[in-house]
Amino acid sequence: MEHTNPAAPRAANARLRLSRILAATAAVLLLVSYLLGPLFRYKGAAGHETEINNSFEPFALFELGKDEQGRLKEPTLLTFLSGYHSVPVWRVNLEAPQYPKSVFPDGIPVFFNLTWFTGEVQEMNTINHYVGMRPMEVGAKIERRIVPLVYVLFFVCLAVFWVYRGPLWWVFGLVPALMPVYFLAVFSYWLYWFGHNLQGGAFTLKPFMPTVLGDGKVAQFTTHSYPHLGFYVLAAVFLVLILAILVKRRGLQEAAAAAPSPAQAA
């Protein structure tokens, strides 16, 4: 007669509980990336907000009122649901002779949030126009608009991952885990598009690929392109969910091994 280790089911259940805790942690991190942007809001050289620009273009469902200066009115539920408060994911600084080091030590900064751009966007657009590149607001309009729907999909996937144990269960953890990969793919594509769809500027540039990560050069301007806080949050989501998948896989294997065989059940 075959005997199973009585501790095996407990170990399997412990691993499955741990995978659910990790999935819940990933959900919290996703909420952080989507809602806590105001804590990291950029202040200009004069100490005031400079994010008045046209890059936030949500679906009509999320149309938000603005004040006379073009800023969104006091935070409402819609401002949080729309992704307006997402945490900056990437930062690009541009050094130019007209921006003194005493004011902008690393050059003028712009921040790539999930749904819009913040920082010195108008100044960056001025430089873009000078070298023949299009305004930042042109880029990734559809991708930025669907971010709220993407996050809804992620939370649905995590809910399914929490309870589902059938075929391809791991897909429901992997889809939200790959958010930093999705961002880098979209970011890289649109940098390529901007560098290869030039308009007439103050001088002629050959099509080029702007620097995705690291330091680069555009004409006489120096750029610095690096991850910002939001990307590290998304990277943490990736690591936590990959770990949750591995732990759940081991737990399911142990649960299957501990289950009584048909002969034992008889």
Foldseek 3Di string as FASTA:
>chain_A
DDDFDPCLLVLLVVLLVLLLVLLVVLLVLVLCQQAAQVVVQDAALVRHFDFQDDQQDADPVLDFDADPVNHGPDDDPSCSLQSVRGHFWKKKAKDDPVDDCVRVVRHFMWTDRLQGIGGPQVVVQVVCQQAFFHRPSVAPNVRSHCVSVLSVLLVVLSVQLSPDDDPPSLVSLQSLLCVLVVVLVRQQVRQQVRQCDGGDHNDYDHRDRDDQAAWDDDPPMIMHMHTDDSNVSSNSSNVSSVSSSVSNVVSVVSNVVNDDDPVVVD
